[in-house]
Amino acid sequence: MHKNLLLIVAVVALLLGGLYLLGPDKDPVPAGKDAPGQAELIALDSSMKSGKALFSVYGDRPPAPDMAFLDEQGDKVTLADFKGQSLLVNFWATWCVPCREEMPELDALQRDKGGDDFKVVIISVDRGGLAASRKFLDDIGVKNLALYYDEKGRLARKMKSIGYPSTVLITRDSKQFGMLTGPAHWNSPSAHQLIDRLRREGR
């Protein structure tokens, strides 16, 4: 009886965890013909836990969604506001352990590769809002990244995110280059090669 009760509790916890990931204001994640076609997979250096992180390059280049999110001052911005720069857009939350582990890599990537033609854009989907996200970034010593906020994760879902962290590369002409779901060593030689390829796109 005790074992059966533990099994029921575990199943309920998994179901609730999935609902929490999607959020109460979830939109269905499009699939099939609406999803960008995959052209190739690129293996980045080992992920934060083990094995390889596989970045999916899109066969087409769908436009970046024209959907507003917030900067740290609470002003609305869109990805089109960054047109002319190649972007690494990372969706994350403070409760997401892999997101927390990967953040120093993203900070280092912005330090080492960021400039007029490339920018790392971290967009929090944290239910604690900007305040909780800012506290976390300050606590771990992030120095090079501006904070943005996607309330209820609407932009993340529009870009076909199915979990966190999700990272989408955007070309300088605001087209989606590809996506990786899960953590990666973003400040690594293989990631730098991918970023260099991205910077050559959309000229």
N, C-alpha and C. Protein backbone atom coordinates (compact mmCIF):
# COMPACT_ATOMS: atom_id res chain seq x y z
N MET A 1 0.84 -1.21 0.00
CA MET A 1 0.00 0.00 0.00
C MET A 1 0.87 1.26 0.00
N HIS A 2 1.93 1.22 0.87
CA HIS A 2 2.84 2.37 0.96
C HIS A 2 3.54 2.62 -0.37
N LYS A 3 3.96 1.53 -1.05
CA LYS A 3 4.65 1.68 -2.33
C LYS A 3 3.71 2.24 -3.39
N ASN A 4 2.46 1.77 -3.38
CA ASN A 4 1.49 2.28 -4.34
C ASN A 4 1.24 3.77 -4.15
N LEU A 5 1.18 4.21 -2.88
CA LEU A 5 0.97 5.62 -2.58
C LEU A 5 2.13 6.46 -3.08
N LEU A 6 3.36 5.96 -2.88
CA LEU A 6 4.54 6.68 -3.36
C LEU A 6 4.53 6.78 -4.88
N LEU A 7 4.08 5.71 -5.56
CA LEU A 7 4.03 5.72 -7.02
C LEU A 7 3.02 6.75 -7.51
N ILE A 8 1.87 6.81 -6.86
CA ILE A 8 0.83 7.78 -7.25
C ILE A 8 1.35 9.21 -7.06
N VAL A 9 2.00 9.47 -5.93
CA VAL A 9 2.55 10.80 -5.65
C VAL A 9 3.58 11.19 -6.71
N ALA A 10 4.42 10.23 -7.10
CA ALA A 10 5.46 10.52 -8.10
C ALA A 10 4.84 10.88 -9.45
N VAL A 11 3.81 10.12 -9.85
CA VAL A 11 3.15 10.39 -11.14
C VAL A 11 2.50 11.76 -11.13
N VAL A 12 1.81 12.09 -10.03
CA VAL A 12 1.17 13.40 -9.91
C VAL A 12 2.19 14.52 -9.98
N ALA A 13 3.35 14.33 -9.31
CA ALA A 13 4.40 15.35 -9.32
C ALA A 13 4.93 15.60 -10.72
N LEU A 14 5.10 14.51 -11.49
CA LEU A 14 5.58 14.67 -12.87
C LEU A 14 4.57 15.42 -13.72
N LEU A 15 3.29 15.09 -13.56
CA LEU A 15 2.26 15.79 -14.32
C LEU A 15 2.20 17.26 -13.97
N LEU A 16 2.28 17.57 -12.68
CA LEU A 16 2.26 18.97 -12.26
C LEU A 16 3.49 19.71 -12.74
N GLY A 17 4.65 19.04 -12.76
CA GLY A 17 5.87 19.67 -13.26
C GLY A 17 5.74 20.06 -14.72
N GLY A 18 5.12 19.17 -15.53
CA GLY A 18 4.91 19.50 -16.93
C GLY A 18 3.99 20.68 -17.13
N LEU A 19 2.92 20.75 -16.31
CA LEU A 19 2.01 21.88 -16.39
C LEU A 19 2.70 23.17 -15.97
N TYR A 20 3.56 23.09 -14.96
CA TYR A 20 4.25 24.29 -14.51
C TYR A 20 5.19 24.82 -15.58
N LEU A 21 5.85 23.88 -16.30
CA LEU A 21 6.78 24.29 -17.36
C LEU A 21 6.05 25.05 -18.45
N LEU A 22 4.86 24.57 -18.82
CA LEU A 22 4.13 25.23 -19.88
C LEU A 22 3.45 26.50 -19.41
N GLY A 23 3.04 26.54 -18.14
CA GLY A 23 2.44 27.75 -17.57
C GLY A 23 0.95 27.79 -17.79
N PRO A 24 0.25 28.60 -16.99
CA PRO A 24 -1.20 28.63 -17.04
C PRO A 24 -1.75 29.31 -18.28
N ASP A 25 -0.94 30.13 -18.94
CA ASP A 25 -1.42 30.89 -20.10
C ASP A 25 -0.87 30.30 -21.39
N LYS A 26 -0.69 28.98 -21.36
CA LYS A 26 0.04 28.33 -22.45
C LYS A 26 -0.73 28.40 -23.76
N ASP A 27 0.04 28.50 -24.84
CA ASP A 27 -0.47 28.33 -26.19
C ASP A 27 0.04 26.98 -26.66
N PRO A 28 -0.69 26.25 -27.47
CA PRO A 28 -0.16 24.99 -27.97
C PRO A 28 1.07 25.24 -28.83
N VAL A 29 2.07 24.36 -28.68
CA VAL A 29 3.29 24.50 -29.48
C VAL A 29 3.03 23.93 -30.86
N PRO A 30 3.13 24.74 -31.91
CA PRO A 30 2.85 24.23 -33.25
C PRO A 30 3.84 23.14 -33.63
N ALA A 31 3.39 22.22 -34.41
CA ALA A 31 4.26 21.14 -34.87
C ALA A 31 3.94 20.86 -36.33
N GLY A 32 4.64 19.89 -36.88
CA GLY A 32 4.35 19.49 -38.26
C GLY A 32 4.69 20.59 -39.25
N LYS A 33 3.75 20.91 -40.13
CA LYS A 33 4.02 21.82 -41.23
C LYS A 33 4.33 23.24 -40.76
N ASP A 34 3.90 23.61 -39.54
CA ASP A 34 4.15 24.97 -39.05
C ASP A 34 5.54 25.12 -38.43
N ALA A 35 6.19 24.01 -38.12
CA ALA A 35 7.51 24.08 -37.50
C ALA A 35 8.57 24.30 -38.57
N PRO A 36 9.61 25.10 -38.26
CA PRO A 36 10.67 25.30 -39.25
C PRO A 36 11.34 23.99 -39.62
N GLY A 37 11.65 23.82 -40.90
CA GLY A 37 12.28 22.58 -41.35
C GLY A 37 13.73 22.51 -40.93
N GLN A 38 14.15 21.34 -40.46
CA GLN A 38 15.53 21.16 -40.01
C GLN A 38 16.43 20.81 -41.20
N ALA A 39 17.53 21.53 -41.32
CA ALA A 39 18.48 21.27 -42.41
C ALA A 39 19.65 20.42 -41.94
N GLU A 40 20.11 20.67 -40.71
CA GLU A 40 21.26 19.94 -40.19
C GLU A 40 21.32 20.09 -38.67
N LEU A 41 22.05 19.19 -38.06
CA LEU A 41 22.33 19.28 -36.62
C LEU A 41 23.81 19.56 -36.44
N ILE A 42 24.12 20.50 -35.55
CA ILE A 42 25.51 20.85 -35.25
C ILE A 42 25.79 20.48 -33.79
N ALA A 43 26.80 19.66 -33.57
CA ALA A 43 27.17 19.24 -32.22
C ALA A 43 28.09 20.29 -31.60
N LEU A 44 27.61 20.88 -30.52
CA LEU A 44 28.45 21.80 -29.75
C LEU A 44 29.25 21.01 -28.73
N ASP A 45 30.23 21.67 -28.11
CA ASP A 45 31.00 21.00 -27.08
C ASP A 45 30.08 20.52 -25.97
N SER A 46 30.55 19.58 -25.19
CA SER A 46 29.72 18.88 -24.22
C SER A 46 28.77 19.81 -23.49
N SER A 47 27.54 19.34 -23.30
CA SER A 47 26.55 20.13 -22.59
C SER A 47 26.95 20.24 -21.13
N MET A 48 26.14 20.96 -20.33
CA MET A 48 26.50 21.23 -18.95
C MET A 48 26.52 19.95 -18.11
N LYS A 49 25.82 18.92 -18.55
CA LYS A 49 25.80 17.68 -17.78
C LYS A 49 26.66 16.62 -18.46
N SER A 50 26.27 16.15 -19.63
CA SER A 50 27.05 15.12 -20.32
C SER A 50 26.63 15.08 -21.78
N GLY A 51 27.47 14.43 -22.57
CA GLY A 51 27.13 14.26 -23.97
C GLY A 51 27.24 15.55 -24.76
N LYS A 52 26.66 15.54 -25.95
CA LYS A 52 26.72 16.68 -26.85
C LYS A 52 25.41 17.45 -26.84
N ALA A 53 25.52 18.76 -27.03
CA ALA A 53 24.35 19.60 -27.23
C ALA A 53 24.17 19.75 -28.74
N LEU A 54 23.01 19.42 -29.26
CA LEU A 54 22.77 19.42 -30.70
C LEU A 54 21.94 20.63 -31.10
N PHE A 55 22.56 21.52 -31.85
CA PHE A 55 21.87 22.71 -32.34
C PHE A 55 21.24 22.39 -33.68
N SER A 56 19.93 22.67 -33.82
CA SER A 56 19.20 22.39 -35.04
C SER A 56 19.15 23.62 -35.92
N VAL A 57 19.80 23.55 -37.08
CA VAL A 57 19.77 24.64 -38.05
C VAL A 57 18.52 24.47 -38.92
N TYR A 58 17.78 25.55 -39.10
CA TYR A 58 16.56 25.49 -39.89
C TYR A 58 16.88 25.47 -41.39
N GLY A 59 16.13 24.65 -42.12
CA GLY A 59 16.29 24.61 -43.57
C GLY A 59 15.77 25.88 -44.22
N ASP A 60 14.69 26.42 -43.66
CA ASP A 60 14.23 27.74 -44.09
C ASP A 60 14.70 28.76 -43.07
N ARG A 61 14.34 30.00 -43.23
CA ARG A 61 14.71 31.03 -42.27
C ARG A 61 13.45 31.82 -41.92
N PRO A 62 12.58 31.28 -41.04
CA PRO A 62 11.35 32.00 -40.71
C PRO A 62 11.66 33.33 -40.03
N PRO A 63 10.83 34.34 -40.25
CA PRO A 63 11.09 35.62 -39.60
C PRO A 63 10.93 35.54 -38.09
N ALA A 64 11.70 36.33 -37.38
CA ALA A 64 11.53 36.42 -35.93
C ALA A 64 10.16 37.02 -35.62
N PRO A 65 9.45 36.49 -34.63
CA PRO A 65 8.10 37.00 -34.32
C PRO A 65 8.12 38.48 -33.94
N ASP A 66 7.10 39.19 -34.38
CA ASP A 66 6.95 40.60 -34.02
C ASP A 66 6.09 40.68 -32.76
N MET A 67 6.64 40.19 -31.65
CA MET A 67 5.91 40.11 -30.39
C MET A 67 6.71 40.82 -29.31
N ALA A 68 6.06 41.68 -28.56
CA ALA A 68 6.76 42.52 -27.59
C ALA A 68 7.14 41.75 -26.33
N PHE A 69 8.29 42.12 -25.77
CA PHE A 69 8.70 41.71 -24.42
C PHE A 69 9.24 42.96 -23.75
N LEU A 70 9.70 42.84 -22.52
CA LEU A 70 10.07 44.02 -21.74
C LEU A 70 11.57 44.11 -21.51
N ASP A 71 12.09 45.34 -21.54
CA ASP A 71 13.45 45.54 -21.06
C ASP A 71 13.40 45.75 -19.54
N GLU A 72 14.55 45.96 -18.92
CA GLU A 72 14.58 46.03 -17.45
C GLU A 72 13.88 47.27 -16.91
N GLN A 73 13.69 48.28 -17.73
CA GLN A 73 12.97 49.48 -17.32
C GLN A 73 11.46 49.33 -17.49
N GLY A 74 11.03 48.18 -18.01
CA GLY A 74 9.61 47.94 -18.22
C GLY A 74 9.08 48.43 -19.54
N ASP A 75 9.97 48.87 -20.43
CA ASP A 75 9.55 49.34 -21.76
C ASP A 75 9.44 48.16 -22.72
N LYS A 76 8.49 48.24 -23.65
CA LYS A 76 8.29 47.18 -24.63
C LYS A 76 9.34 47.26 -25.73
N VAL A 77 9.87 46.10 -26.10
CA VAL A 77 10.80 45.98 -27.22
C VAL A 77 10.41 44.75 -28.03
N THR A 78 10.90 44.67 -29.24
CA THR A 78 10.74 43.47 -30.06
C THR A 78 12.10 43.09 -30.62
N LEU A 79 12.20 41.89 -31.16
CA LEU A 79 13.46 41.46 -31.76
C LEU A 79 13.84 42.32 -32.96
N ALA A 80 12.86 42.91 -33.60
CA ALA A 80 13.15 43.80 -34.74
C ALA A 80 13.94 45.03 -34.31
N ASP A 81 13.86 45.39 -33.03
CA ASP A 81 14.62 46.53 -32.53
C ASP A 81 16.13 46.28 -32.58
N PHE A 82 16.52 45.01 -32.71
CA PHE A 82 17.94 44.65 -32.77
C PHE A 82 18.39 44.39 -34.21
N LYS A 83 17.55 44.72 -35.18
CA LYS A 83 17.89 44.45 -36.58
C LYS A 83 19.23 45.09 -36.92
N GLY A 84 20.05 44.34 -37.64
CA GLY A 84 21.41 44.78 -37.94
C GLY A 84 22.43 44.08 -37.08
N GLN A 85 21.97 43.42 -35.99
CA GLN A 85 22.83 42.61 -35.14
C GLN A 85 22.40 41.15 -35.23
N SER A 86 23.37 40.25 -35.27
CA SER A 86 23.08 38.84 -35.07
C SER A 86 22.84 38.63 -33.58
N LEU A 87 21.88 37.76 -33.25
CA LEU A 87 21.47 37.59 -31.85
C LEU A 87 21.53 36.13 -31.42
N LEU A 88 21.94 35.92 -30.18
CA LEU A 88 21.69 34.68 -29.47
C LEU A 88 20.63 35.00 -28.43
N VAL A 89 19.43 34.47 -28.61
CA VAL A 89 18.30 34.75 -27.71
C VAL A 89 18.10 33.53 -26.82
N ASN A 90 18.25 33.74 -25.52
CA ASN A 90 18.17 32.64 -24.56
C ASN A 90 16.99 32.87 -23.62
N PHE A 91 16.06 31.90 -23.58
CA PHE A 91 14.92 31.94 -22.67
C PHE A 91 15.27 31.11 -21.44
N TRP A 92 15.05 31.69 -20.25
CA TRP A 92 15.52 31.05 -19.02
C TRP A 92 14.64 31.46 -17.84
N ALA A 93 14.87 30.79 -16.70
CA ALA A 93 14.18 31.12 -15.45
C ALA A 93 15.08 30.75 -14.28
N THR A 94 14.90 31.41 -13.16
CA THR A 94 15.75 31.14 -12.00
C THR A 94 15.50 29.77 -11.40
N TRP A 95 14.27 29.22 -11.57
CA TRP A 95 13.96 27.90 -11.02
C TRP A 95 14.48 26.76 -11.89
N CYS A 96 15.00 27.10 -13.07
CA CYS A 96 15.51 26.11 -14.02
C CYS A 96 17.00 25.89 -13.74
N VAL A 97 17.34 24.74 -13.17
CA VAL A 97 18.73 24.49 -12.77
C VAL A 97 19.69 24.54 -13.96
N PRO A 98 19.40 23.90 -15.11
CA PRO A 98 20.33 24.02 -16.24
C PRO A 98 20.50 25.46 -16.71
N CYS A 99 19.43 26.27 -16.62
CA CYS A 99 19.54 27.69 -16.99
C CYS A 99 20.55 28.39 -16.09
N ARG A 100 20.47 28.11 -14.81
CA ARG A 100 21.37 28.74 -13.84
C ARG A 100 22.82 28.33 -14.12
N GLU A 101 23.03 27.05 -14.46
CA GLU A 101 24.38 26.55 -14.71
C GLU A 101 24.98 27.17 -15.98
N GLU A 102 24.12 27.45 -16.95
CA GLU A 102 24.60 27.92 -18.25
C GLU A 102 24.83 29.43 -18.29
N MET A 103 24.23 30.18 -17.36
CA MET A 103 24.28 31.64 -17.43
C MET A 103 25.69 32.22 -17.45
N PRO A 104 26.64 31.72 -16.64
CA PRO A 104 28.01 32.26 -16.73
C PRO A 104 28.63 32.09 -18.11
N GLU A 105 28.26 31.00 -18.82
CA GLU A 105 28.76 30.80 -20.18
C GLU A 105 28.24 31.89 -21.12
N LEU A 106 26.97 32.23 -20.97
CA LEU A 106 26.38 33.26 -21.82
C LEU A 106 26.99 34.63 -21.51
N ASP A 107 27.25 34.89 -20.24
CA ASP A 107 27.89 36.14 -19.85
C ASP A 107 29.29 36.24 -20.46
N ALA A 108 30.03 35.12 -20.42
CA ALA A 108 31.38 35.10 -21.00
C ALA A 108 31.33 35.22 -22.53
N LEU A 109 30.30 34.63 -23.16
CA LEU A 109 30.16 34.74 -24.61
C LEU A 109 29.94 36.19 -25.03
N GLN A 110 29.08 36.90 -24.29
CA GLN A 110 28.86 38.31 -24.60
C GLN A 110 30.14 39.11 -24.41
N ARG A 111 30.89 38.80 -23.37
CA ARG A 111 32.17 39.49 -23.14
C ARG A 111 33.15 39.25 -24.27
N ASP A 112 33.22 37.99 -24.74
CA ASP A 112 34.25 37.62 -25.71
C ASP A 112 33.86 37.87 -27.17
N LYS A 113 32.55 37.77 -27.48
CA LYS A 113 32.12 37.87 -28.88
C LYS A 113 31.14 39.02 -29.13
N GLY A 114 30.61 39.60 -28.07
CA GLY A 114 29.62 40.65 -28.24
C GLY A 114 30.22 41.92 -28.83
N GLY A 115 29.38 42.66 -29.54
CA GLY A 115 29.83 43.91 -30.17
C GLY A 115 28.73 44.50 -31.01
N ASP A 116 29.11 45.35 -31.94
CA ASP A 116 28.12 46.02 -32.77
C ASP A 116 27.35 45.05 -33.66
N ASP A 117 27.96 43.91 -33.99
CA ASP A 117 27.29 42.99 -34.92
C ASP A 117 26.77 41.72 -34.27
N PHE A 118 26.97 41.54 -32.96
CA PHE A 118 26.47 40.35 -32.27
C PHE A 118 26.14 40.68 -30.82
N LYS A 119 25.02 40.12 -30.34
CA LYS A 119 24.58 40.38 -28.97
C LYS A 119 23.90 39.14 -28.40
N VAL A 120 24.19 38.84 -27.14
CA VAL A 120 23.47 37.82 -26.38
C VAL A 120 22.29 38.50 -25.68
N VAL A 121 21.09 38.01 -25.95
CA VAL A 121 19.87 38.58 -25.38
C VAL A 121 19.24 37.53 -24.47
N ILE A 122 19.32 37.74 -23.16
CA ILE A 122 18.73 36.78 -22.22
C ILE A 122 17.34 37.29 -21.83
N ILE A 123 16.33 36.44 -22.04
CA ILE A 123 14.95 36.82 -21.78
C ILE A 123 14.39 35.89 -20.71
N SER A 124 14.14 36.45 -19.54
CA SER A 124 13.62 35.66 -18.42
C SER A 124 12.13 35.39 -18.61
N VAL A 125 11.72 34.17 -18.25
CA VAL A 125 10.30 33.82 -18.19
C VAL A 125 9.90 33.54 -16.73
N ASP A 126 10.71 34.01 -15.80
CA ASP A 126 10.53 33.71 -14.38
C ASP A 126 9.24 34.30 -13.84
N ARG A 127 8.52 33.52 -13.05
CA ARG A 127 7.26 34.02 -12.49
C ARG A 127 7.50 35.07 -11.41
N GLY A 128 8.71 35.16 -10.93
CA GLY A 128 9.04 36.21 -9.96
C GLY A 128 9.27 37.56 -10.62
N GLY A 129 9.27 37.59 -11.95
CA GLY A 129 9.41 38.84 -12.69
C GLY A 129 10.84 39.32 -12.77
N LEU A 130 10.98 40.58 -13.13
CA LEU A 130 12.31 41.17 -13.32
C LEU A 130 13.11 41.22 -12.03
N ALA A 131 12.44 41.47 -10.90
CA ALA A 131 13.16 41.61 -9.63
C ALA A 131 13.89 40.33 -9.26
N ALA A 132 13.20 39.18 -9.35
CA ALA A 132 13.83 37.90 -9.01
C ALA A 132 14.96 37.57 -9.98
N SER A 133 14.75 37.89 -11.25
CA SER A 133 15.77 37.61 -12.25
C SER A 133 17.00 38.48 -12.04
N ARG A 134 16.81 39.76 -11.74
CA ARG A 134 17.92 40.66 -11.49
C ARG A 134 18.72 40.22 -10.27
N LYS A 135 18.02 39.82 -9.21
CA LYS A 135 18.72 39.37 -7.99
C LYS A 135 19.61 38.17 -8.30
N PHE A 136 19.10 37.22 -9.07
CA PHE A 136 19.91 36.05 -9.43
C PHE A 136 21.14 36.45 -10.22
N LEU A 137 20.98 37.31 -11.21
CA LEU A 137 22.12 37.72 -12.03
C LEU A 137 23.16 38.45 -11.19
N ASP A 138 22.70 39.29 -10.26
CA ASP A 138 23.63 39.99 -9.37
C ASP A 138 24.35 39.01 -8.46
N ASP A 139 23.61 38.02 -7.95
CA ASP A 139 24.19 37.05 -7.01
C ASP A 139 25.31 36.24 -7.65
N ILE A 140 25.19 35.92 -8.95
CA ILE A 140 26.22 35.11 -9.60
C ILE A 140 27.26 35.96 -10.32
N GLY A 141 27.12 37.28 -10.25
CA GLY A 141 28.15 38.16 -10.78
C GLY A 141 28.11 38.37 -12.28
N VAL A 142 26.92 38.31 -12.89
CA VAL A 142 26.80 38.60 -14.33
C VAL A 142 27.12 40.07 -14.58
N LYS A 143 28.01 40.33 -15.50
CA LYS A 143 28.50 41.69 -15.75
C LYS A 143 28.17 42.23 -17.14
N ASN A 144 27.92 41.34 -18.09
CA ASN A 144 27.92 41.76 -19.49
C ASN A 144 26.57 41.65 -20.20
N LEU A 145 25.54 41.19 -19.48
CA LEU A 145 24.26 40.91 -20.11
C LEU A 145 23.17 41.85 -19.62
N ALA A 146 22.41 42.40 -20.56
CA ALA A 146 21.20 43.16 -20.22
C ALA A 146 20.06 42.17 -19.98
N LEU A 147 19.15 42.54 -19.08
CA LEU A 147 18.05 41.66 -18.71
C LEU A 147 16.77 42.06 -19.44
N TYR A 148 16.08 41.04 -19.98
CA TYR A 148 14.78 41.24 -20.60
C TYR A 148 13.79 40.24 -20.01
N TYR A 149 12.50 40.51 -20.21
CA TYR A 149 11.47 39.70 -19.55
C TYR A 149 10.33 39.38 -20.51
N ASP A 150 10.01 38.10 -20.62
CA ASP A 150 8.90 37.62 -21.45
C ASP A 150 7.83 37.07 -20.51
N GLU A 151 6.91 37.95 -20.09
CA GLU A 151 5.89 37.54 -19.13
C GLU A 151 5.05 36.39 -19.69
N LYS A 152 4.94 35.32 -18.90
CA LYS A 152 4.16 34.12 -19.26
C LYS A 152 4.72 33.36 -20.45
N GLY A 153 5.91 33.70 -20.90
CA GLY A 153 6.59 32.92 -21.92
C GLY A 153 5.94 32.90 -23.28
N ARG A 154 5.21 33.93 -23.63
CA ARG A 154 4.48 33.92 -24.90
C ARG A 154 5.43 33.94 -26.10
N LEU A 155 6.46 34.79 -26.03
CA LEU A 155 7.41 34.85 -27.14
C LEU A 155 8.16 33.53 -27.27
N ALA A 156 8.54 32.94 -26.15
CA ALA A 156 9.26 31.66 -26.18
C ALA A 156 8.43 30.60 -26.89
N ARG A 157 7.15 30.51 -26.58
CA ARG A 157 6.30 29.52 -27.22
C ARG A 157 6.09 29.83 -28.70
N LYS A 158 6.00 31.11 -29.03
CA LYS A 158 5.84 31.50 -30.42
C LYS A 158 7.03 31.04 -31.25
N MET A 159 8.19 30.96 -30.60
CA MET A 159 9.41 30.54 -31.29
C MET A 159 9.65 29.04 -31.15
N LYS A 160 8.58 28.30 -30.79
CA LYS A 160 8.58 26.83 -30.75
C LYS A 160 9.38 26.25 -29.59
N SER A 161 9.56 27.04 -28.51
CA SER A 161 10.24 26.52 -27.34
C SER A 161 9.37 25.47 -26.67
N ILE A 162 9.97 24.34 -26.28
CA ILE A 162 9.24 23.29 -25.58
C ILE A 162 9.80 23.05 -24.19
N GLY A 163 10.70 23.88 -23.75
CA GLY A 163 11.30 23.74 -22.42
C GLY A 163 12.38 24.78 -22.24
N TYR A 164 12.99 24.81 -21.06
CA TYR A 164 14.01 25.80 -20.75
C TYR A 164 15.26 25.11 -20.21
N PRO A 165 16.44 25.66 -20.55
CA PRO A 165 16.65 26.81 -21.42
C PRO A 165 16.40 26.47 -22.88
N SER A 166 15.98 27.46 -23.64
CA SER A 166 15.89 27.36 -25.10
C SER A 166 16.68 28.52 -25.68
N THR A 167 17.45 28.22 -26.70
CA THR A 167 18.29 29.24 -27.32
C THR A 167 18.03 29.28 -28.82
N VAL A 168 17.69 30.46 -29.32
CA VAL A 168 17.42 30.67 -30.73
C VAL A 168 18.43 31.66 -31.28
N LEU A 169 19.03 31.33 -32.40
CA LEU A 169 19.93 32.27 -33.08
C LEU A 169 19.15 33.02 -34.14
N ILE A 170 19.37 34.34 -34.20
CA ILE A 170 18.65 35.23 -35.11
C ILE A 170 19.68 35.93 -36.00
N THR A 171 19.42 35.94 -37.30
CA THR A 171 20.33 36.60 -38.23
C THR A 171 20.17 38.12 -38.15
N ARG A 172 21.10 38.83 -38.73
CA ARG A 172 21.08 40.30 -38.66
C ARG A 172 19.86 40.90 -39.37
N ASP A 173 19.22 40.11 -40.26
CA ASP A 173 18.01 40.61 -40.91
C ASP A 173 16.74 40.02 -40.27
N SER A 174 16.86 39.65 -38.99
CA SER A 174 15.72 39.22 -38.15
C SER A 174 15.05 37.95 -38.65
N LYS A 175 15.87 36.98 -39.09
CA LYS A 175 15.37 35.66 -39.45
C LYS A 175 15.88 34.64 -38.42
N GLN A 176 15.08 33.61 -38.17
CA GLN A 176 15.48 32.57 -37.24
C GLN A 176 16.42 31.59 -37.94
N PHE A 177 17.62 31.45 -37.39
CA PHE A 177 18.64 30.59 -37.96
C PHE A 177 18.51 29.15 -37.46
N GLY A 178 18.12 28.98 -36.19
CA GLY A 178 17.99 27.65 -35.62
C GLY A 178 17.82 27.71 -34.12
N MET A 179 17.68 26.53 -33.50
CA MET A 179 17.36 26.47 -32.07
C MET A 179 18.04 25.29 -31.39
N LEU A 180 18.32 25.47 -30.11
CA LEU A 180 18.76 24.39 -29.24
C LEU A 180 17.91 24.43 -27.98
N THR A 181 17.32 23.30 -27.62
CA THR A 181 16.60 23.19 -26.35
C THR A 181 17.50 22.44 -25.37
N GLY A 182 17.78 23.07 -24.24
CA GLY A 182 18.70 22.50 -23.27
C GLY A 182 19.97 23.33 -23.16
N PRO A 183 20.80 23.02 -22.17
CA PRO A 183 22.00 23.82 -21.92
C PRO A 183 23.15 23.45 -22.85
N ALA A 184 24.09 24.38 -22.99
CA ALA A 184 25.29 24.12 -23.78
C ALA A 184 26.42 24.99 -23.25
N HIS A 185 27.64 24.60 -23.58
CA HIS A 185 28.81 25.44 -23.29
C HIS A 185 28.91 26.48 -24.39
N TRP A 186 28.24 27.60 -24.20
CA TRP A 186 28.15 28.60 -25.26
C TRP A 186 29.44 29.39 -25.46
N ASN A 187 30.32 29.41 -24.48
CA ASN A 187 31.60 30.09 -24.68
C ASN A 187 32.70 29.05 -24.92
N SER A 188 32.52 28.27 -25.99
CA SER A 188 33.43 27.17 -26.32
C SER A 188 33.81 27.31 -27.79
N PRO A 189 34.88 26.63 -28.23
CA PRO A 189 35.29 26.74 -29.63
C PRO A 189 34.19 26.38 -30.63
N SER A 190 33.45 25.30 -30.37
CA SER A 190 32.41 24.90 -31.32
C SER A 190 31.27 25.93 -31.35
N ALA A 191 30.93 26.50 -30.20
CA ALA A 191 29.90 27.54 -30.16
C ALA A 191 30.38 28.80 -30.87
N HIS A 192 31.64 29.15 -30.69
CA HIS A 192 32.20 30.32 -31.38
C HIS A 192 32.14 30.14 -32.90
N GLN A 193 32.41 28.93 -33.37
CA GLN A 193 32.32 28.66 -34.81
C GLN A 193 30.89 28.85 -35.31
N LEU A 194 29.92 28.39 -34.50
CA LEU A 194 28.52 28.56 -34.88
C LEU A 194 28.14 30.04 -34.91
N ILE A 195 28.61 30.80 -33.93
CA ILE A 195 28.32 32.23 -33.89
C ILE A 195 28.96 32.94 -35.08
N ASP A 196 30.16 32.55 -35.44
CA ASP A 196 30.82 33.16 -36.60
C ASP A 196 30.03 32.87 -37.88
N ARG A 197 29.50 31.67 -37.99
CA ARG A 197 28.66 31.34 -39.15
C ARG A 197 27.39 32.19 -39.15
N LEU A 198 26.79 32.35 -37.97
CA LEU A 198 25.60 33.19 -37.87
C LEU A 198 25.88 34.62 -38.31
N ARG A 199 27.02 35.16 -37.93
CA ARG A 199 27.36 36.54 -38.25
C ARG A 199 27.54 36.76 -39.75
N ARG A 200 27.82 35.69 -40.48
CA ARG A 200 27.95 35.80 -41.93
C ARG A 200 26.60 35.76 -42.65
N GLU A 201 25.54 35.40 -41.91
CA GLU A 201 24.21 35.28 -42.50
C GLU A 201 23.53 36.65 -42.59
N GLY A 202 22.67 36.81 -43.58
CA GLY A 202 21.82 38.00 -43.66
C GLY A 202 22.51 39.27 -44.07
N ARG A 203 23.63 39.14 -44.74
CA ARG A 203 24.35 40.34 -45.17
C ARG A 203 23.77 40.91 -46.45
